[in-house]
Amino acid sequence: MTTPPTSHIAPVELAKAYRLINHGPTVLVSASHGGVANVMAAAWACALDFAPPKVTVVLDKSTRTRALVEASGRFVLQVPTVRQLALTQAVGNTSLADDADKLRRCGVTLFRQDAEPTPLVEGCAAWLACRLVPEPHNQQAYDLFIGEVEAAWADTRVFAHGHWRFEEAGPEWRSLHHVAGGHYYAIGAPLSAQDATSPPSPSA
């Protein structure tokens, strides 16, 4: 566990925390309990509510991270970047149950931020620290977990003043979007609806 790389990490106002994952990135989920920490990748995560901010994430029953979330009642969602592609693929395809040295082998470095008890993954673009909102039926029937965001941070080199700045940062800062079978897209160029032209009217 390292000390936090505070030079570029800044708190994000909770009212704006949903923006950290509203563009649909693949996320890393970290959790810890009883001296054991783990990180997994998840493609199905999204914002759920504004006040208080809530998120959802699907955690399969077979994952050790899920067991840690259920035991601790906490988890952190983080937004990995293009330069963390290999790490993201590795933690999503390696089980702590099979490899006790998983995090080191996958190149994961964890750190603590402020008073958050759950470790964060170093090098990501954003982090959302969540308290589990217990919904036993959803968790058992659908593997769907709800978290209330209690703190959020972002790297100011790519997220500042409540907005992503992908177009101003280097391409290595772009978020990852998993499709299937290890195939990802990086987020693309910005588009503004205000600049879009209206489609032509259909002919009679």
Protein backbone atom coordinates (compact mmCIF):
# COMPACT_ATOMS: atom_id res chain seq x y z
CA MET A 1 0.00 0.00 0.00
CA THR A 2 1.46 3.34 -1.02
CA THR A 3 0.81 6.87 0.15
CA PRO A 4 -1.68 8.78 -1.99
CA PRO A 5 -0.27 10.58 -5.06
CA THR A 6 -1.97 13.79 -3.98
CA SER A 7 -0.38 16.21 -6.44
CA HIS A 8 -3.08 15.76 -9.06
CA ILE A 9 -5.96 14.20 -7.11
CA ALA A 10 -8.78 16.52 -6.04
CA PRO A 11 -12.15 15.89 -4.41
CA VAL A 12 -15.20 15.95 -6.66
CA GLU A 13 -18.37 17.59 -5.42
CA LEU A 14 -20.85 14.81 -4.67
CA ALA A 15 -23.53 16.53 -6.75
CA LYS A 16 -21.22 16.06 -9.76
CA ALA A 17 -19.96 12.57 -8.87
CA TYR A 18 -22.35 10.87 -11.30
CA ARG A 19 -20.45 12.52 -14.18
CA LEU A 20 -17.43 10.36 -13.42
CA ILE A 21 -19.18 7.27 -14.83
CA ASN A 22 -22.09 8.72 -16.79
CA HIS A 23 -20.23 8.14 -20.08
CA GLY A 24 -20.31 4.37 -19.54
CA PRO A 25 -16.68 3.41 -18.91
CA THR A 26 -15.44 0.02 -17.84
CA VAL A 27 -14.60 0.35 -14.14
CA LEU A 28 -12.32 -1.29 -11.62
CA VAL A 29 -14.00 -2.39 -8.39
CA SER A 30 -11.87 -2.56 -5.27
CA ALA A 31 -12.88 -3.94 -1.87
CA SER A 32 -11.18 -5.17 1.27
CA HIS A 33 -12.04 -7.03 4.45
CA GLY A 34 -10.09 -8.81 7.15
CA GLY A 35 -6.75 -7.78 5.73
CA VAL A 36 -7.58 -9.06 2.22
CA ALA A 37 -7.91 -6.65 -0.71
CA ASN A 38 -8.93 -7.36 -4.28
CA VAL A 39 -9.67 -5.57 -7.55
CA MET A 40 -11.81 -6.72 -10.46
CA ALA A 41 -12.99 -5.17 -13.72
CA ALA A 42 -16.69 -4.57 -14.39
CA ALA A 43 -18.32 -3.42 -17.60
CA TRP A 44 -21.83 -3.07 -16.19
CA ALA A 45 -21.75 -0.07 -13.87
CA CYS A 46 -23.79 3.11 -14.05
CA ALA A 47 -25.08 6.13 -12.16
CA LEU A 48 -28.43 5.60 -10.44
CA ASP A 49 -29.34 8.73 -8.49
CA PHE A 50 -28.23 12.28 -7.75
CA ALA A 51 -29.06 13.16 -4.14
CA PRO A 52 -27.61 11.31 -2.46
CA PRO A 53 -25.57 10.03 -5.41
CA LYS A 54 -25.88 6.31 -6.00
CA VAL A 55 -24.38 3.84 -8.47
CA THR A 56 -25.05 0.27 -9.53
CA VAL A 57 -22.58 -2.44 -10.48
CA VAL A 58 -22.99 -6.09 -11.44
CA LEU A 59 -20.73 -8.45 -9.44
CA ASP A 60 -20.85 -12.13 -10.29
CA LYS A 61 -21.32 -14.61 -7.46
CA SER A 62 -18.07 -16.35 -8.34
CA THR A 63 -15.85 -13.31 -7.66
CA ARG A 64 -13.85 -12.77 -4.48
CA THR A 65 -14.41 -9.03 -4.78
CA ARG A 66 -18.13 -9.56 -4.33
CA ALA A 67 -17.54 -11.51 -1.12
CA LEU A 68 -15.35 -8.69 0.18
CA VAL A 69 -18.03 -6.11 -0.68
CA GLU A 70 -20.69 -8.14 1.12
CA ALA A 71 -18.46 -8.59 4.18
CA SER A 72 -17.23 -5.00 4.45
CA GLY A 73 -20.27 -3.13 3.18
CA ARG A 74 -18.05 -0.88 1.04
CA PHE A 75 -16.45 -0.69 -2.40
CA VAL A 76 -14.71 1.79 -4.67
CA LEU A 77 -15.40 2.24 -8.37
CA GLN A 78 -12.51 3.68 -10.35
CA VAL A 79 -12.19 4.72 -13.97
CA PRO A 80 -9.10 3.17 -15.58
CA THR A 81 -7.34 4.75 -18.53
CA VAL A 82 -5.93 3.57 -21.85
CA ARG A 83 -2.51 3.07 -20.32
CA GLN A 84 -4.13 0.64 -17.86
CA LEU A 85 -5.62 -1.58 -20.56
CA ALA A 86 -3.42 -4.58 -19.74
CA LEU A 87 -4.07 -4.15 -16.02
CA THR A 88 -7.82 -3.93 -16.57
CA GLN A 89 -7.90 -7.04 -18.72
CA ALA A 90 -5.70 -8.90 -16.25
CA VAL A 91 -7.73 -8.19 -13.09
CA GLY A 92 -10.90 -9.05 -15.00
CA ASN A 93 -9.58 -12.46 -15.99
CA THR A 94 -7.60 -13.53 -12.91
CA SER A 95 -9.21 -14.75 -9.70
CA LEU A 96 -7.78 -14.11 -6.26
CA ALA A 97 -9.08 -17.57 -5.38
CA ASP A 98 -6.63 -19.05 -7.88
CA ASP A 99 -3.71 -16.68 -7.40
CA ALA A 100 -3.05 -15.14 -3.98
CA ASP A 101 -0.49 -12.85 -5.65
CA LYS A 102 -3.01 -11.60 -8.21
CA LEU A 103 -2.67 -7.86 -7.60
CA ARG A 104 1.11 -7.83 -7.87
CA ARG A 105 1.08 -10.02 -10.97
CA CYS A 106 -1.52 -7.76 -12.60
CA GLY A 107 0.50 -4.64 -11.84
CA VAL A 108 -1.95 -3.15 -9.33
CA THR A 109 -0.70 -0.59 -6.82
CA LEU A 110 -3.14 0.38 -4.07
CA PHE A 111 -3.22 3.53 -1.98
CA ARG A 112 -5.34 5.16 0.72
CA GLN A 113 -7.10 8.47 0.22
CA ASP A 114 -8.32 10.66 3.06
CA ALA A 115 -10.36 8.61 5.57
CA GLU A 116 -11.64 6.05 3.06
CA PRO A 117 -11.02 2.54 4.48
CA THR A 118 -11.18 0.80 1.09
CA PRO A 119 -7.97 0.98 -0.96
CA LEU A 120 -7.93 2.78 -4.30
CA VAL A 121 -6.12 1.75 -7.49
CA GLU A 122 -3.27 4.06 -8.38
CA GLY A 123 -3.14 5.60 -11.87
CA CYS A 124 -6.86 5.81 -12.57
CA ALA A 125 -8.67 8.93 -13.73
CA ALA A 126 -11.40 8.92 -11.07
CA TRP A 127 -12.55 7.15 -7.93
CA LEU A 128 -15.97 6.85 -6.25
CA ALA A 129 -16.02 5.50 -2.67
CA CYS A 130 -19.33 3.82 -1.93
CA ARG A 131 -21.28 2.45 1.01
CA LEU A 132 -23.21 -0.66 0.05
CA VAL A 133 -26.98 -0.17 0.11
CA PRO A 134 -28.12 -3.71 0.99
CA GLU A 135 -30.70 -5.10 -1.43
CA PRO A 136 -30.52 -8.87 -0.82
CA HIS A 137 -33.04 -9.82 -3.51
CA ASN A 138 -31.32 -7.80 -6.24
CA GLN A 139 -27.92 -9.06 -5.17
CA GLN A 140 -28.93 -12.72 -5.18
CA ALA A 141 -31.30 -12.73 -8.16
CA TYR A 142 -29.51 -10.30 -10.48
CA ASP A 143 -25.96 -9.89 -9.04
CA LEU A 144 -26.85 -6.18 -8.88
CA PHE A 145 -25.26 -4.08 -6.16
CA ILE A 146 -26.20 -0.52 -5.21
CA GLY A 147 -23.75 1.87 -3.61
CA GLU A 148 -24.22 5.33 -2.14
CA VAL A 149 -21.28 7.52 -3.11
CA GLU A 150 -19.81 9.04 0.04
CA ALA A 151 -16.65 10.53 -1.46
CA ALA A 152 -15.24 11.02 -4.94
CA TRP A 153 -11.96 12.16 -6.42
CA ALA A 154 -10.55 12.73 -9.89
CA ASP A 155 -7.22 13.46 -11.50
CA THR A 156 -7.28 17.14 -12.38
CA ARG A 157 -5.27 16.51 -15.53
CA VAL A 158 -8.38 14.97 -17.12
CA PHE A 159 -11.36 15.98 -14.91
CA ALA A 160 -11.72 19.50 -13.53
CA HIS A 161 -14.48 21.90 -12.49
CA GLY A 162 -17.07 19.12 -12.68
CA HIS A 163 -16.30 18.11 -16.29
CA TRP A 164 -14.19 15.60 -18.18
CA ARG A 165 -11.44 17.22 -20.27
CA PHE A 166 -10.50 14.30 -22.49
CA GLU A 167 -9.91 16.57 -25.46
CA GLU A 168 -7.35 18.58 -23.47
CA ALA A 169 -5.46 15.59 -22.04
CA GLY A 170 -3.23 13.12 -23.83
CA PRO A 171 -4.76 10.04 -25.47
CA GLU A 172 -3.39 7.86 -22.67
CA TRP A 173 -5.96 9.44 -20.34
CA ARG A 174 -9.02 8.28 -22.31
CA SER A 175 -11.40 5.91 -20.55
CA LEU A 176 -11.91 2.29 -21.62
CA HIS A 177 -15.17 0.80 -22.89
CA HIS A 178 -15.28 -2.99 -23.06
CA VAL A 179 -17.29 -4.64 -25.80
CA ALA A 180 -16.55 -8.38 -25.56
CA GLY A 181 -13.71 -10.86 -25.62
CA GLY A 182 -11.00 -8.44 -24.57
CA HIS A 183 -12.01 -5.90 -27.23
CA TYR A 184 -12.24 -2.30 -25.99
CA TYR A 185 -12.81 1.16 -27.36
CA ALA A 186 -11.31 4.34 -25.96
CA ILE A 187 -13.71 7.22 -25.58
CA GLY A 188 -13.85 9.26 -28.77
CA ALA A 189 -13.86 12.91 -29.77
CA PRO A 190 -16.25 15.37 -28.10
CA LEU A 191 -19.44 16.32 -29.90
CA SER A 192 -21.88 19.08 -29.02
CA ALA A 193 -25.59 18.82 -29.73
CA GLN A 194 -25.65 22.60 -29.98
CA ASP A 195 -23.41 22.38 -33.04
CA ALA A 196 -25.38 19.63 -34.75
CA THR A 197 -27.52 20.40 -37.76
CA SER A 198 -31.11 19.30 -37.83
CA PRO A 199 -31.86 16.32 -40.07
CA PRO A 200 -33.64 17.15 -43.31
CA SER A 201 -37.40 16.94 -43.23
CA PRO A 202 -38.77 13.80 -44.89
CA SER A 203 -40.25 14.42 -48.29
CA ALA A 204 -44.02 14.20 -48.65
